[in-house]
């Protein structure tokens, strides 16, 4: 993705359903997995969005159902978001007003560094580089708006 598409309000932009394709590469072993499914962003009582992802994940020849739930809450600056895990723990901030955002999330012995980019109103991508004592991964996720 070359040019970035600015998003004035990340919560308004993400609302709705998105088709999701993710590759997961273990940089240490060379193993690669794939996730395919859908992410739906639905309004939360009190503001923000509930992010519900569901689909199938294939790793080393085995395919299984996979789900993930996050909460995208209004950020401290208008148009941004505060992303939290389903249980309310902080995950990362998200500011797409320039069409691109880089953020970190320390997790135990590893550091997650995420880059979010928006190509146009219907396409965006996340790339998470996970490095540390426990993991050496590259996760690339492409989102395409449904409908």
C-alpha atoms as a PDB file:
ATOM      1  CA  UNK A   1       0.000   0.000   0.000  1.00  0.00           C
ATOM      2  CA  UNK A   2       1.627   3.217  -1.138  1.00  0.00           C
ATOM      3  CA  UNK A   3      -0.403   6.352  -0.365  1.00  0.00           C
ATOM      4  CA  UNK A   4      -2.396   6.626   2.823  1.00  0.00           C
ATOM      5  CA  UNK A   5      -6.038   7.691   3.058  1.00  0.00           C
ATOM      6  CA  UNK A   6      -6.744   9.941   6.085  1.00  0.00           C
ATOM      7  CA  UNK A   7      -9.592   8.920   8.406  1.00  0.00           C
ATOM      8  CA  UNK A   8     -11.166  11.805  10.347  1.00  0.00           C
ATOM      9  CA  UNK A   9     -13.019   9.528  12.800  1.00  0.00           C
ATOM     10  CA  UNK A  10     -11.674   5.984  13.247  1.00  0.00           C
ATOM     11  CA  UNK A  11     -14.793   4.661  15.021  1.00  0.00           C
ATOM     12  CA  UNK A  12     -17.177   5.935  12.336  1.00  0.00           C
ATOM     13  CA  UNK A  13     -14.890   4.563   9.633  1.00  0.00           C
ATOM     14  CA  UNK A  14     -14.568   1.057  11.101  1.00  0.00           C
ATOM     15  CA  UNK A  15     -18.276   0.522  11.896  1.00  0.00           C
ATOM     16  CA  UNK A  16     -19.752  -2.382   9.935  1.00  0.00           C
ATOM     17  CA  UNK A  17     -18.433  -5.642   8.529  1.00  0.00           C
ATOM     18  CA  UNK A  18     -15.019  -6.351   7.006  1.00  0.00           C
ATOM     19  CA  UNK A  19     -13.672  -9.426   5.206  1.00  0.00           C
ATOM     20  CA  UNK A  20     -10.356 -10.423   6.804  1.00  0.00           C
ATOM     21  CA  UNK A  21      -7.308 -12.298   5.503  1.00  0.00           C
ATOM     22  CA  UNK A  22      -4.245 -12.685   7.736  1.00  0.00           C
ATOM     23  CA  UNK A  23      -0.893 -14.363   7.287  1.00  0.00           C
ATOM     24  CA  UNK A  24       1.103 -15.372  10.346  1.00  0.00           C
ATOM     25  CA  UNK A  25       4.794 -16.053   9.736  1.00  0.00           C
ATOM     26  CA  UNK A  26       7.081 -17.516  12.359  1.00  0.00           C
ATOM     27  CA  UNK A  27      10.328 -15.828  11.392  1.00  0.00           C
ATOM     28  CA  UNK A  28      12.411 -18.263  13.446  1.00  0.00           C
ATOM     29  CA  UNK A  29      11.080 -21.497  11.919  1.00  0.00           C
ATOM     30  CA  UNK A  30       9.729 -20.243   8.594  1.00  0.00           C
ATOM     31  CA  UNK A  31       6.289 -21.736   9.316  1.00  0.00           C
ATOM     32  CA  UNK A  32       3.331 -19.828   7.912  1.00  0.00           C
ATOM     33  CA  UNK A  33      -0.341 -19.874   8.817  1.00  0.00           C
ATOM     34  CA  UNK A  34      -3.454 -18.222   7.441  1.00  0.00           C
ATOM     35  CA  UNK A  35      -6.636 -16.824   8.938  1.00  0.00           C
ATOM     36  CA  UNK A  36      -9.728 -16.059   6.837  1.00  0.00           C
ATOM     37  CA  UNK A  37     -12.961 -14.696   8.186  1.00  0.00           C
ATOM     38  CA  UNK A  38     -14.909 -11.587   9.034  1.00  0.00           C
ATOM     39  CA  UNK A  39     -14.623  -8.775  11.561  1.00  0.00           C
ATOM     40  CA  UNK A  40     -17.772  -6.943  12.606  1.00  0.00           C
ATOM     41  CA  UNK A  41     -17.639  -3.621  14.473  1.00  0.00           C
ATOM     42  CA  UNK A  42     -20.939  -3.005  16.286  1.00  0.00           C
ATOM     43  CA  UNK A  43     -21.851  -0.081  18.577  1.00  0.00           C
ATOM     44  CA  UNK A  44     -21.238  -0.453  22.317  1.00  0.00           C
ATOM     45  CA  UNK A  45     -23.590   0.990  24.901  1.00  0.00           C
ATOM     46  CA  UNK A  46     -21.983   4.190  26.109  1.00  0.00           C
ATOM     47  CA  UNK A  47     -19.897   4.740  22.964  1.00  0.00           C
ATOM     48  CA  UNK A  48     -17.256   2.902  20.994  1.00  0.00           C
ATOM     49  CA  UNK A  49     -17.357  -0.323  19.030  1.00  0.00           C
ATOM     50  CA  UNK A  50     -17.228  -4.010  19.850  1.00  0.00           C
ATOM     51  CA  UNK A  51     -14.828  -5.771  17.438  1.00  0.00           C
ATOM     52  CA  UNK A  52     -15.814  -9.406  16.896  1.00  0.00           C
ATOM     53  CA  UNK A  53     -13.612 -11.469  14.605  1.00  0.00           C
ATOM     54  CA  UNK A  54     -14.459 -15.021  13.544  1.00  0.00           C
ATOM     55  CA  UNK A  55     -13.156 -17.385  10.922  1.00  0.00           C
ATOM     56  CA  UNK A  56     -10.761 -20.253  10.410  1.00  0.00           C
ATOM     57  CA  UNK A  57      -7.039 -20.435  11.150  1.00  0.00           C
ATOM     58  CA  UNK A  58      -4.787 -22.920   9.384  1.00  0.00           C
ATOM     59  CA  UNK A  59      -1.414 -23.710  10.970  1.00  0.00           C
ATOM     60  CA  UNK A  60       0.866 -26.635  10.058  1.00  0.00           C
ATOM     61  CA  UNK A  61      -1.894 -28.366   8.097  1.00  0.00           C
ATOM     62  CA  UNK A  62      -4.549 -28.148  10.830  1.00  0.00           C
ATOM     63  CA  UNK A  63      -7.560 -25.855  10.372  1.00  0.00           C
ATOM     64  CA  UNK A  64      -9.668 -24.759  13.332  1.00  0.00           C
ATOM     65  CA  UNK A  65     -12.240 -22.136  14.235  1.00  0.00           C
ATOM     66  CA  UNK A  66     -10.787 -18.913  15.624  1.00  0.00           C
ATOM     67  CA  UNK A  67     -12.366 -15.883  17.283  1.00  0.00           C
ATOM     68  CA  UNK A  68     -11.199 -12.645  18.882  1.00  0.00           C
ATOM     69  CA  UNK A  69     -13.048  -9.836  20.648  1.00  0.00           C
ATOM     70  CA  UNK A  70     -11.730  -6.320  21.264  1.00  0.00           C
ATOM     71  CA  UNK A  71     -13.260  -3.032  22.401  1.00  0.00           C
ATOM     72  CA  UNK A  72     -12.562   0.140  20.419  1.00  0.00           C
ATOM     73  CA  UNK A  73     -13.391   3.036  22.754  1.00  0.00           C
ATOM     74  CA  UNK A  74     -13.277   6.772  22.004  1.00  0.00           C
ATOM     75  CA  UNK A  75      -9.693   8.012  22.373  1.00  0.00           C
ATOM     76  CA  UNK A  76      -8.500  11.043  24.322  1.00  0.00           C
ATOM     77  CA  UNK A  77      -8.290  13.041  21.064  1.00  0.00           C
ATOM     78  CA  UNK A  78     -11.391  13.440  18.877  1.00  0.00           C
ATOM     79  CA  UNK A  79     -11.424  10.911  16.010  1.00  0.00           C
ATOM     80  CA  UNK A  80      -9.010   8.458  17.678  1.00  0.00           C
ATOM     81  CA  UNK A  81      -9.590   5.186  19.541  1.00  0.00           C
ATOM     82  CA  UNK A  82      -8.385   3.439  22.672  1.00  0.00           C
ATOM     83  CA  UNK A  83      -8.261  -0.291  21.854  1.00  0.00           C
ATOM     84  CA  UNK A  84      -8.778  -2.724  24.711  1.00  0.00           C
ATOM     85  CA  UNK A  85      -8.937  -6.475  25.103  1.00  0.00           C
ATOM     86  CA  UNK A  86     -12.353  -8.022  25.763  1.00  0.00           C
ATOM     87  CA  UNK A  87     -11.659  -7.999  29.525  1.00  0.00           C
ATOM     88  CA  UNK A  88     -10.883  -4.264  29.494  1.00  0.00           C
ATOM     89  CA  UNK A  89      -7.076  -4.411  29.672  1.00  0.00           C
ATOM     90  CA  UNK A  90      -5.343  -1.773  27.494  1.00  0.00           C
ATOM     91  CA  UNK A  91      -4.037  -2.974  24.117  1.00  0.00           C
ATOM     92  CA  UNK A  92      -3.031   0.083  22.052  1.00  0.00           C
ATOM     93  CA  UNK A  93      -4.046   3.517  20.810  1.00  0.00           C
ATOM     94  CA  UNK A  94      -5.264   4.085  17.240  1.00  0.00           C
ATOM     95  CA  UNK A  95      -5.063   7.369  15.341  1.00  0.00           C
ATOM     96  CA  UNK A  96      -5.718   7.109  11.602  1.00  0.00           C
ATOM     97  CA  UNK A  97      -6.150  10.836  10.915  1.00  0.00           C
ATOM     98  CA  UNK A  98      -3.053  10.716   8.658  1.00  0.00           C
ATOM     99  CA  UNK A  99      -4.038   7.308   7.229  1.00  0.00           C
ATOM    100  CA  UNK A 100      -1.140   5.633   9.058  1.00  0.00           C
ATOM    101  CA  UNK A 101      -0.421   4.850  12.704  1.00  0.00           C
ATOM    102  CA  UNK A 102       2.394   3.005  14.500  1.00  0.00           C
ATOM    103  CA  UNK A 103       1.955   1.752  18.057  1.00  0.00           C
ATOM    104  CA  UNK A 104       3.522  -0.652  20.553  1.00  0.00           C
ATOM    105  CA  UNK A 105       2.139  -3.163  23.025  1.00  0.00           C
ATOM    106  CA  UNK A 106       4.531  -4.764  25.534  1.00  0.00           C
ATOM    107  CA  UNK A 107       3.369  -8.283  26.396  1.00  0.00           C
ATOM    108  CA  UNK A 108       5.339 -10.283  28.948  1.00  0.00           C
ATOM    109  CA  UNK A 109       8.719 -11.067  27.337  1.00  0.00           C
ATOM    110  CA  UNK A 110       7.700  -9.810  23.879  1.00  0.00           C
ATOM    111  CA  UNK A 111       7.038  -6.475  22.181  1.00  0.00           C
ATOM    112  CA  UNK A 112       4.248  -6.093  19.637  1.00  0.00           C
ATOM    113  CA  UNK A 113       4.817  -3.218  17.186  1.00  0.00           C
ATOM    114  CA  UNK A 114       1.818  -2.495  15.005  1.00  0.00           C
ATOM    115  CA  UNK A 115       1.501  -0.441  11.837  1.00  0.00           C
ATOM    116  CA  UNK A 116      -1.992   0.464  10.636  1.00  0.00           C
ATOM    117  CA  UNK A 117      -2.487   1.856   7.128  1.00  0.00           C
ATOM    118  CA  UNK A 118      -5.608   2.885   5.219  1.00  0.00           C
ATOM    119  CA  UNK A 119      -5.536   2.679   1.402  1.00  0.00           C
ATOM    120  CA  UNK A 120      -9.042   3.983   0.690  1.00  0.00           C
ATOM    121  CA  UNK A 121     -12.530   3.950   2.267  1.00  0.00           C
ATOM    122  CA  UNK A 122     -12.837   0.172   1.799  1.00  0.00           C
ATOM    123  CA  UNK A 123      -9.314  -1.212   2.408  1.00  0.00           C
ATOM    124  CA  UNK A 124      -6.987  -1.097   5.403  1.00  0.00           C
ATOM    125  CA  UNK A 125      -4.119  -3.194   6.741  1.00  0.00           C
ATOM    126  CA  UNK A 126      -2.393  -4.017   9.993  1.00  0.00           C
ATOM    127  CA  UNK A 127       1.128  -5.379  10.269  1.00  0.00           C
ATOM    128  CA  UNK A 128       2.248  -6.581  13.688  1.00  0.00           C
ATOM    129  CA  UNK A 129       5.902  -7.493  14.265  1.00  0.00           C
ATOM    130  CA  UNK A 130       6.211  -9.529  17.443  1.00  0.00           C
ATOM    131  CA  UNK A 131       9.687 -10.020  18.851  1.00  0.00           C
ATOM    132  CA  UNK A 132      11.212 -11.087  22.106  1.00  0.00           C
ATOM    133  CA  UNK A 133      12.188 -14.106  24.128  1.00  0.00           C
ATOM    134  CA  UNK A 134       9.012 -16.088  23.405  1.00  0.00           C
ATOM    135  CA  UNK A 135       8.021 -15.063  19.855  1.00  0.00           C
ATOM    136  CA  UNK A 136       9.415 -13.966  16.499  1.00  0.00           C
ATOM    137  CA  UNK A 137       6.350 -13.390  14.327  1.00  0.00           C
ATOM    138  CA  UNK A 138       5.039 -11.220  11.506  1.00  0.00           C
ATOM    139  CA  UNK A 139       1.235 -10.910  11.273  1.00  0.00           C
ATOM    140  CA  UNK A 140      -0.200  -9.124   8.222  1.00  0.00           C
ATOM    141  CA  UNK A 141      -3.946  -8.558   8.060  1.00  0.00           C
ATOM    142  CA  UNK A 142      -5.893  -7.117   5.140  1.00  0.00           C
ATOM    143  CA  UNK A 143      -9.436  -5.809   5.640  1.00  0.00           C
ATOM    144  CA  UNK A 144     -11.965  -5.237   2.840  1.00  0.00           C
ATOM    145  CA  UNK A 145     -15.308  -3.636   3.601  1.00  0.00           C
ATOM    146  CA  UNK A 146     -18.297  -5.918   3.005  1.00  0.00           C
ATOM    147  CA  UNK A 147     -21.428  -4.659   1.282  1.00  0.00           C
END
